Amino acid sequence: MDLFDINNNEAGKPIAERLRPDSLEGFYGQEHLIGKGKPIKLMLENKSIVSMILWGPPGVGKTTLALIISRLIDYEFIQLSAVSSGVKDVREAIEKAERNLKFYGRKTLLFIDEIHRFNKSQQDSLLHSVENGILTLIGATTENPSFEVISPLLSRCRVYTLEELGKKDFENIIDRALRNDLLLKDFNIEIADTDFLISLSNGDARRLLNGLELAFKLTQADNGKYVITNELLKDAFQTNHIKYDKNAEEHYNIISAFIKSMRGSDPDAAVYWLARMLRGGEDPKFIARRMIILASEDIGNADPYAITLAVTTFNAVDNIGMPEARIILSQCATYLACSPKSNSSYMAIREAEQDVNSLPPYGVPLHLRNAPTKLMKELGYGKEYKYAHEYDNHWIKMDFLPEELKDKIYYEPSDNGREEMFRKFLEERKRKK
């Protein structure tokens, strides 16, 4: 039998489509959602589901799970991709759902893949139908819904996080492919290093299956046996093996090295670790978010522009996308690495939080209280407050902390960058006090 003799509609589909399970029995992973007594499993047993957002990395089964749900509850299934669909497509889906409900008494499930790519107006167009139960929405996203899905829609959906598949899940998927796939099952195939194949998938089952199929097609039979070597896998995946699992230890090691390189004012190390993350498939917006945090935590008022640049970087990365986004990330990372450093703001809020958590909730001093009513004025609210702008240099000696904490100092500026000026300013005010 020759692989290329097989020619029918099913064989023409990608292997991930050919092997897509149609029941929970063939669905690997996500036991926290579909295991016994777990939320999606319970909804399916009760034949009633709610609108939901499935959030997780690529290739963990978001689309497959939505398809399985639609089959098991016998809803009309409509699938859209946010990449190629617009408001017109959403409205047509809603109209079809209304007809299904009105004339046939049948409910509709609308699945939107990559829902984070819908803009605000496109997401807004779903609100009424989801709210009124005209349709049930399942959105799939690889991005944090808190950032990418509008709040009104998010409040109408439950968010379920799909986890990356484990080694055992991938082994089951490989075994199923070799036993059941239309194009692979009739051949004697041996994978020399299953762990290496799994590592090349970067946690993506779709990528794993596509790479496996291509590697097989590159393999020459030896006495009827097809041995898929690591070299063939490298050719199939067209990648050098870089250890970077976005949910495992190396992910945290590299992002830690990236942050510490910028904190340690080493732009060369920062761009190296940045390149490692991007080469490993890290989400550029995740990197940009971490730089926003660093700009405040480790630079702060030593260079107040740093956080402005970091936020602008996030917005630019969001709008531009890869591969050009790597240039923007590099510019921001090198700027942050070369900026003067201070963690004074970070330490100030930490110490203030400690006092708030451990000390009594002291009352607001009378002179700082608002006095909107006559009674409050008679009680002395705001009586001795002095409006700073009416005094020289827009400052007046006054206590703003509770009496019990009036000598407490939380913010102590460093002598780096802009904070050196802040430190001198506050020292002058303390002398006048």
Protein backbone atom coordinates (compact mmCIF):
# COMPACT_ATOMS: atom_id res chain seq x y z
CA MET A 1 0.00 0.00 0.00
CA ASP A 2 1.34 3.46 -0.95
CA LEU A 3 0.54 6.46 1.20
CA PHE A 4 -0.13 8.59 -1.86
CA ASP A 5 -2.58 6.08 -3.34
CA ILE A 6 -5.11 7.12 -0.71
CA ASN A 7 -7.25 9.85 -2.20
CA ASN A 8 -10.61 10.76 -0.79
CA ASN A 9 -12.22 13.72 0.94
CA GLU A 10 -11.27 12.54 4.41
CA ALA A 11 -7.64 11.95 3.48
CA GLY A 12 -7.40 15.47 2.13
CA LYS A 13 -8.08 16.97 5.54
CA PRO A 14 -5.25 17.93 7.93
CA ILE A 15 -4.44 15.17 10.38
CA ALA A 16 -5.70 17.22 13.32
CA GLU A 17 -9.12 17.38 11.62
CA ARG A 18 -9.11 13.69 10.76
CA LEU A 19 -8.39 12.80 14.37
CA ARG A 20 -10.66 15.36 16.02
CA PRO A 21 -12.67 13.38 18.63
CA ASP A 22 -16.46 13.62 18.64
CA SER A 23 -16.92 12.57 22.27
CA LEU A 24 -15.34 13.24 25.64
CA GLU A 25 -13.92 9.71 25.67
CA GLY A 26 -11.43 10.64 22.96
CA PHE A 27 -10.67 14.07 24.37
CA TYR A 28 -7.40 14.21 26.31
CA GLY A 29 -6.61 16.63 29.12
CA GLN A 30 -8.76 19.26 30.89
CA GLU A 31 -9.93 16.88 33.60
CA HIS A 32 -10.60 19.92 35.80
CA LEU A 33 -13.41 20.81 33.38
CA ILE A 34 -14.70 17.51 31.96
CA GLY A 35 -13.88 15.05 34.74
CA LYS A 36 -16.54 13.56 36.97
CA GLY A 37 -18.35 16.27 38.93
CA LYS A 38 -16.54 19.06 37.06
CA PRO A 39 -18.41 22.08 35.61
CA ILE A 40 -18.60 21.32 31.89
CA LYS A 41 -19.24 17.64 32.54
CA LEU A 42 -22.14 18.52 34.85
CA MET A 43 -23.61 20.93 32.30
CA LEU A 44 -23.51 18.24 29.61
CA GLU A 45 -25.12 15.69 31.92
CA ASN A 46 -27.91 18.20 32.60
CA LYS A 47 -28.22 19.01 28.87
CA SER A 48 -27.93 22.69 29.66
CA ILE A 49 -24.95 24.93 29.10
CA VAL A 50 -24.16 28.58 29.69
CA SER A 51 -22.24 31.06 27.60
CA MET A 52 -18.53 30.70 28.24
CA ILE A 53 -15.07 31.81 27.23
CA LEU A 54 -12.51 29.03 26.78
CA TRP A 55 -9.09 30.51 27.49
CA GLY A 56 -5.91 28.59 26.84
CA PRO A 57 -2.81 28.25 24.65
CA PRO A 58 -3.02 26.98 21.06
CA GLY A 59 -3.65 23.31 20.43
CA VAL A 60 -5.18 22.29 23.77
CA GLY A 61 -8.67 21.52 22.45
CA LYS A 62 -10.77 24.68 22.65
CA THR A 63 -12.45 24.18 19.26
CA THR A 64 -12.77 20.44 19.76
CA LEU A 65 -14.42 20.90 23.14
CA ALA A 66 -16.92 23.37 21.64
CA LEU A 67 -17.78 20.89 18.87
CA ILE A 68 -18.22 18.05 21.37
CA ILE A 69 -20.49 20.22 23.51
CA SER A 70 -22.68 21.09 20.52
CA ARG A 71 -23.07 17.43 19.56
CA LEU A 72 -23.89 16.22 23.05
CA ILE A 73 -26.61 18.80 23.66
CA ASP A 74 -27.98 18.80 20.09
CA TYR A 75 -27.89 22.56 19.59
CA GLU A 76 -27.67 24.13 16.16
CA PHE A 77 -23.95 24.81 15.76
CA ILE A 78 -22.62 27.94 14.07
CA GLN A 79 -18.90 28.53 13.88
CA LEU A 80 -17.20 31.84 13.11
CA SER A 81 -13.58 32.92 13.13
CA ALA A 82 -12.93 36.41 14.43
CA VAL A 83 -10.06 36.67 11.94
CA SER A 84 -12.34 36.54 8.89
CA SER A 85 -15.79 37.45 10.27
CA GLY A 86 -17.37 40.81 10.94
CA VAL A 87 -20.52 42.33 12.41
CA LYS A 88 -22.51 41.23 9.34
CA ASP A 89 -21.63 37.58 9.99
CA VAL A 90 -22.56 37.92 13.66
CA ARG A 91 -25.93 39.44 12.76
CA GLU A 92 -26.65 36.64 10.29
CA ALA A 93 -25.84 34.09 13.00
CA ILE A 94 -28.14 35.88 15.44
CA GLU A 95 -30.97 35.98 12.87
CA LYS A 96 -30.58 32.25 12.26
CA ALA A 97 -30.63 31.62 16.02
CA GLU A 98 -33.84 33.65 16.34
CA ARG A 99 -35.49 31.61 13.56
CA ASN A 100 -34.37 28.34 15.11
CA LEU A 101 -35.87 29.32 18.44
CA LYS A 102 -39.07 30.84 17.07
CA PHE A 103 -40.05 28.26 14.43
CA TYR A 104 -38.36 25.05 15.58
CA GLY A 105 -37.88 25.53 19.31
CA ARG A 106 -34.22 24.63 18.85
CA LYS A 107 -31.40 26.41 20.63
CA THR A 108 -28.25 27.64 18.89
CA LEU A 109 -24.64 27.52 19.97
CA LEU A 110 -22.42 30.17 18.40
CA PHE A 111 -18.72 29.36 18.55
CA ILE A 112 -16.31 32.21 17.83
CA ASP A 113 -12.69 31.21 17.49
CA GLU A 114 -10.09 33.82 18.48
CA ILE A 115 -12.80 36.05 19.91
CA HIS A 116 -10.11 38.40 21.24
CA ARG A 117 -9.63 39.59 17.65
CA PHE A 118 -13.16 41.06 17.58
CA ASN A 119 -13.14 44.79 18.23
CA LYS A 120 -15.48 46.48 20.70
CA SER A 121 -18.35 47.06 18.25
CA GLN A 122 -18.20 43.44 17.08
CA GLN A 123 -18.30 42.20 20.66
CA ASP A 124 -21.08 44.67 21.48
CA SER A 125 -23.25 43.14 18.75
CA LEU A 126 -23.39 39.89 20.76
CA LEU A 127 -24.58 41.35 24.05
CA HIS A 128 -28.35 41.44 23.52
CA SER A 129 -28.59 37.91 22.12
CA VAL A 130 -26.43 36.40 24.86
CA GLU A 131 -28.31 38.32 27.57
CA ASN A 132 -31.75 37.23 26.27
CA GLY A 133 -30.80 33.62 25.64
CA ILE A 134 -31.34 33.83 21.89
CA LEU A 135 -28.08 31.98 21.53
CA THR A 136 -25.41 30.45 23.72
CA LEU A 137 -21.93 31.78 23.06
CA ILE A 138 -18.67 29.90 23.33
CA GLY A 139 -15.66 32.06 22.62
CA ALA A 140 -12.14 30.68 22.33
CA THR A 141 -9.11 32.81 23.02
CA THR A 142 -5.40 32.45 23.61
CA GLU A 143 -5.30 35.86 25.31
CA ASN A 144 -6.32 36.84 28.82
CA PRO A 145 -10.07 37.61 28.54
CA SER A 146 -9.75 40.30 31.21
CA PHE A 147 -7.69 42.31 28.73
CA GLU A 148 -9.24 41.28 25.41
CA VAL A 149 -12.99 40.77 26.00
CA ILE A 150 -15.21 43.74 26.86
CA SER A 151 -16.51 43.77 30.43
CA PRO A 152 -20.27 43.61 29.56
CA LEU A 153 -19.72 40.46 27.49
CA LEU A 154 -17.33 38.98 30.02
CA SER A 155 -19.91 39.44 32.79
CA ARG A 156 -22.40 37.37 30.77
CA CYS A 157 -20.01 34.45 30.33
CA ARG A 158 -18.13 32.07 32.54
CA VAL A 159 -14.43 31.90 31.89
CA TYR A 160 -12.85 28.44 31.86
CA THR A 161 -9.08 28.09 31.61
CA LEU A 162 -7.76 25.20 29.52
CA GLU A 163 -4.37 23.97 30.64
CA GLU A 164 -1.51 22.82 28.45
CA LEU A 165 -1.54 19.11 27.83
CA GLY A 166 0.76 16.88 29.84
CA LYS A 167 3.22 14.29 28.62
CA LYS A 168 0.72 11.46 29.09
CA ASP A 169 -1.90 13.35 27.05
CA PHE A 170 0.56 13.75 24.18
CA GLU A 171 1.54 10.08 24.37
CA ASN A 172 -2.15 9.16 24.10
CA ILE A 173 -2.59 11.47 21.11
CA ILE A 174 0.43 9.96 19.34
CA ASP A 175 -0.79 6.44 20.05
CA ARG A 176 -4.27 7.30 18.75
CA ALA A 177 -2.79 8.79 15.59
CA LEU A 178 -0.70 5.71 14.84
CA ARG A 179 -3.61 3.34 15.54
CA ASN A 180 -6.58 5.22 14.08
CA ASP A 181 -5.52 7.81 11.53
CA LEU A 182 -6.65 7.04 7.99
CA LEU A 183 -3.20 7.66 6.51
CA LEU A 184 -0.98 6.26 9.27
CA LYS A 185 -2.73 3.22 10.73
CA ASP A 186 -1.75 0.77 7.97
CA PHE A 187 1.98 1.48 8.18
CA ASN A 188 4.59 0.07 10.57
CA ILE A 189 5.80 3.33 12.15
CA GLU A 190 8.33 3.70 14.95
CA ILE A 191 9.20 7.01 16.59
CA ALA A 192 12.80 6.93 17.78
CA ASP A 193 12.34 9.53 20.51
CA THR A 194 8.78 10.29 21.54
CA ASP A 195 9.91 12.78 24.18
CA PHE A 196 11.74 14.79 21.52
CA LEU A 197 8.63 14.86 19.33
CA ILE A 198 6.57 16.09 22.28
CA SER A 199 9.12 18.78 23.10
CA LEU A 200 9.00 20.12 19.53
CA SER A 201 5.24 20.59 19.78
CA ASN A 202 5.60 23.50 22.23
CA GLY A 203 2.51 22.23 24.04
CA ASP A 204 0.37 22.37 20.88
CA ALA A 205 -1.36 19.11 19.91
CA ARG A 206 -2.16 20.41 16.43
CA ARG A 207 1.49 21.27 15.84
CA LEU A 208 2.52 17.84 17.13
CA LEU A 209 0.20 15.97 14.77
CA ASN A 210 1.11 18.05 11.72
CA GLY A 211 4.81 17.57 12.45
CA LEU A 212 4.35 13.83 12.95
CA GLU A 213 2.51 13.44 9.64
CA LEU A 214 5.11 15.42 7.71
CA ALA A 215 7.98 13.52 9.35
CA PHE A 216 6.35 10.26 8.28
CA LYS A 217 6.06 11.51 4.71
CA LEU A 218 9.80 12.30 4.75
CA THR A 219 10.67 8.82 6.04
CA GLN A 220 11.95 6.05 3.76
CA ALA A 221 10.78 2.52 4.52
CA ASP A 222 13.37 -0.02 5.65
CA ASN A 223 12.05 -3.56 5.20
CA GLY A 224 8.53 -2.22 5.52
CA LYS A 225 9.29 -0.23 8.68
CA TYR A 226 9.25 3.57 8.94
CA VAL A 227 11.60 4.85 11.65
CA ILE A 228 11.07 8.55 12.41
CA THR A 229 14.40 9.86 13.69
CA ASN A 230 15.11 13.12 15.51
CA GLU A 231 16.73 14.53 12.38
CA LEU A 232 13.57 13.85 10.39
CA LEU A 233 11.52 15.50 13.13
CA LYS A 234 13.76 18.58 12.99
CA ASP A 235 13.27 18.74 9.23
CA ALA A 236 9.52 18.34 9.60
CA PHE A 237 9.17 21.00 12.27
CA GLN A 238 11.74 23.22 10.52
CA THR A 239 13.13 24.32 13.86
CA ASN A 240 16.12 23.89 16.09
CA HIS A 241 15.11 22.43 19.40
CA ILE A 242 14.87 25.29 21.87
CA LYS A 243 13.87 24.38 25.39
CA TYR A 244 11.02 26.74 26.14
CA ASP A 245 7.75 25.38 27.48
CA LYS A 246 5.42 28.30 28.09
CA ASN A 247 3.91 26.71 31.16
CA ALA A 248 6.90 24.88 32.59
CA GLU A 249 10.03 25.73 34.55
CA GLU A 250 12.12 27.07 31.66
CA HIS A 251 9.41 29.64 30.89
CA TYR A 252 9.74 31.09 34.38
CA ASN A 253 13.54 30.83 34.29
CA ILE A 254 13.82 32.88 31.09
CA ILE A 255 11.29 35.57 31.98
CA SER A 256 13.11 35.85 35.34
CA ALA A 257 16.44 36.27 33.55
CA PHE A 258 14.89 38.90 31.27
CA ILE A 259 13.49 40.95 34.16
CA LYS A 260 16.67 40.68 36.23
CA SER A 261 18.80 41.72 33.25
CA MET A 262 16.82 44.95 32.89
CA ARG A 263 16.82 45.52 36.65
CA GLY A 264 20.59 44.98 36.59
CA SER A 265 21.02 47.53 33.74
CA ASP A 266 22.34 45.02 31.17
CA PRO A 267 20.66 45.75 27.81
CA ASP A 268 22.67 43.05 25.99
CA ALA A 269 21.40 40.28 28.28
CA ALA A 270 17.88 41.75 28.13
CA VAL A 271 17.66 41.51 24.32
CA TYR A 272 19.18 38.02 24.35
CA TRP A 273 16.53 36.69 26.73
CA LEU A 274 13.89 38.63 24.79
CA ALA A 275 14.99 36.87 21.60
CA ARG A 276 14.88 33.50 23.39
CA MET A 277 11.30 34.10 24.50
CA LEU A 278 10.15 35.21 21.07
CA ARG A 279 11.90 32.27 19.40
CA GLY A 280 10.14 29.95 21.83
CA GLY A 281 6.73 31.32 20.86
CA GLU A 282 6.04 33.52 23.89
CA ASP A 283 3.13 35.95 23.61
CA PRO A 284 4.65 39.41 22.88
CA LYS A 285 1.92 41.06 24.95
CA PHE A 286 2.90 38.98 27.98
CA ILE A 287 6.44 40.33 27.62
CA ALA A 288 5.15 43.89 27.26
CA ARG A 289 3.01 43.56 30.40
CA ARG A 290 6.01 42.42 32.42
CA MET A 291 7.96 45.45 31.25
CA ILE A 292 5.15 47.74 32.44
CA ILE A 293 5.47 46.19 35.90
CA LEU A 294 9.25 46.54 35.88
CA ALA A 295 9.02 50.18 34.76
CA SER A 296 7.10 50.98 37.94
CA GLU A 297 8.59 48.50 40.39
CA ASP A 298 12.29 48.91 39.53
CA ILE A 299 12.52 52.35 37.89
CA GLY A 300 9.58 54.30 39.23
CA ASN A 301 10.15 58.00 39.77
CA ALA A 302 13.84 57.76 38.95
CA ASP A 303 12.58 58.02 35.36
CA PRO A 304 8.80 58.58 35.26
CA TYR A 305 8.86 58.35 31.45
CA ALA A 306 9.75 54.65 31.67
CA ILE A 307 6.22 53.55 32.50
CA THR A 308 4.83 55.77 29.74
CA LEU A 309 7.13 54.08 27.24
CA ALA A 310 6.23 50.63 28.58
CA VAL A 311 2.48 51.25 28.28
CA THR A 312 2.97 52.70 24.79
CA THR A 313 4.99 49.60 23.91
CA PHE A 314 2.13 47.34 24.98
CA ASN A 315 -0.35 49.29 22.84
CA ALA A 316 2.03 49.32 19.86
CA VAL A 317 2.66 45.57 20.14
CA ASP A 318 -1.10 44.98 20.32
CA ASN A 319 -1.69 47.03 17.17
CA ILE A 320 1.33 45.99 15.12
CA GLY A 321 1.82 42.30 15.93
CA MET A 322 4.75 40.10 15.05
CA PRO A 323 7.30 40.12 13.52
CA GLU A 324 7.67 43.92 13.71
CA ALA A 325 6.62 43.95 17.38
CA ARG A 326 10.00 42.48 18.29
CA ILE A 327 11.65 45.80 17.34
CA ILE A 328 9.33 47.73 19.64
CA LEU A 329 9.95 45.28 22.47
CA SER A 330 13.69 45.59 21.97
CA GLN A 331 13.54 49.39 22.08
CA CYS A 332 11.61 49.34 25.34
CA ALA A 333 13.78 46.62 26.94
CA THR A 334 17.01 48.47 26.17
CA TYR A 335 15.57 51.77 27.43
CA LEU A 336 14.44 50.20 30.69
CA ALA A 337 17.80 48.48 31.13
CA CYS A 338 19.61 51.81 30.69
CA SER A 339 17.26 53.83 32.92
CA PRO A 340 18.20 54.92 36.46
CA LYS A 341 16.74 52.51 38.99
CA SER A 342 14.63 52.94 42.11
CA ASN A 343 12.22 50.70 43.98
CA SER A 344 11.16 53.45 46.41
CA SER A 345 7.54 53.58 45.21
CA TYR A 346 7.29 49.79 45.42
CA MET A 347 8.70 49.73 48.95
CA ALA A 348 6.42 52.61 50.00
CA ILE A 349 3.20 50.81 49.09
CA ARG A 350 4.46 47.55 50.64
CA GLU A 351 5.16 49.25 53.97
CA ALA A 352 1.88 51.16 53.88
CA GLU A 353 0.01 47.90 53.20
CA GLN A 354 1.72 46.26 56.17
CA ASP A 355 0.50 49.06 58.46
CA VAL A 356 -3.00 48.96 57.01
CA ASN A 357 -3.13 45.18 57.59
CA SER A 358 -1.64 45.19 61.10
CA LEU A 359 -2.76 48.48 62.71
CA PRO A 360 -6.23 49.75 63.63
CA PRO A 361 -8.13 51.75 60.96
CA TYR A 362 -7.29 55.19 62.38
CA GLY A 363 -9.82 57.92 61.69
CA VAL A 364 -9.32 60.67 59.11
CA PRO A 365 -8.19 63.90 60.87
CA LEU A 366 -11.04 66.39 61.20
CA HIS A 367 -9.34 69.07 59.13
CA LEU A 368 -9.11 66.65 56.15
CA ARG A 369 -12.73 65.53 56.23
CA ASN A 370 -15.27 66.64 53.66
CA ALA A 371 -18.08 68.84 55.06
CA PRO A 372 -21.02 68.85 52.63
CA THR A 373 -23.69 69.39 55.35
CA LYS A 374 -24.28 72.00 58.03
CA LEU A 375 -24.03 69.38 60.79
CA MET A 376 -20.64 68.25 59.59
CA LYS A 377 -19.39 71.82 59.58
CA GLU A 378 -20.68 72.28 63.14
CA LEU A 379 -18.78 69.14 64.13
CA GLY A 380 -15.58 70.72 62.90
CA TYR A 381 -15.15 68.78 59.65
CA GLY A 382 -12.62 70.59 57.46
CA LYS A 383 -12.38 73.54 59.91
CA GLU A 384 -8.62 73.93 60.09
CA TYR A 385 -7.82 72.81 56.56
CA LYS A 386 -5.52 75.20 54.67
CA TYR A 387 -5.64 75.38 50.88
CA ALA A 388 -2.02 74.92 49.78
CA HIS A 389 -2.31 77.04 46.65
CA GLU A 390 -2.98 80.15 48.73
CA TYR A 391 0.48 80.01 50.32
CA ASP A 392 4.04 80.59 49.16
CA ASN A 393 5.39 77.87 46.89
CA HIS A 394 1.93 76.23 47.04
CA TRP A 395 2.77 74.57 50.34
CA ILE A 396 1.69 74.89 53.95
CA LYS A 397 2.80 73.03 57.03
CA MET A 398 0.06 70.53 57.85
CA ASP A 399 -0.36 66.91 58.93
CA PHE A 400 -2.12 64.60 56.47
CA LEU A 401 -1.67 61.25 58.21
CA PRO A 402 -3.71 60.09 61.20
CA GLU A 403 -2.38 61.46 64.51
CA GLU A 404 -1.03 58.02 65.44
CA LEU A 405 1.11 57.90 62.28
CA LYS A 406 1.95 61.58 61.78
CA ASP A 407 5.74 61.03 61.81
CA LYS A 408 5.65 57.92 59.63
CA ILE A 409 7.70 57.92 56.41
CA TYR A 410 6.77 55.46 53.67
CA TYR A 411 8.29 57.00 50.55
CA GLU A 412 12.02 57.57 50.67
CA PRO A 413 13.27 58.65 47.23
CA SER A 414 16.61 57.34 46.05
CA ASP A 415 19.39 59.58 44.80
CA ASN A 416 18.99 58.25 41.25
CA GLY A 417 17.58 60.17 38.31
CA ARG A 418 14.51 62.31 38.86
CA GLU A 419 14.14 61.00 42.42
CA GLU A 420 17.20 62.94 43.53
CA MET A 421 15.17 66.09 42.92
CA PHE A 422 12.20 64.59 44.81
CA ARG A 423 14.44 63.70 47.74
CA LYS A 424 15.77 67.25 48.01
CA PHE A 425 12.24 68.63 47.72
CA LEU A 426 10.96 66.46 50.59
CA GLU A 427 14.00 67.15 52.77
CA GLU A 428 13.36 70.88 52.41
CA ARG A 429 9.69 70.42 53.40
CA LYS A 430 10.68 68.36 56.44
CA ARG A 431 13.06 71.09 57.61
CA LYS A 432 10.27 73.65 57.37
CA LYS A 433 7.93 71.37 59.31
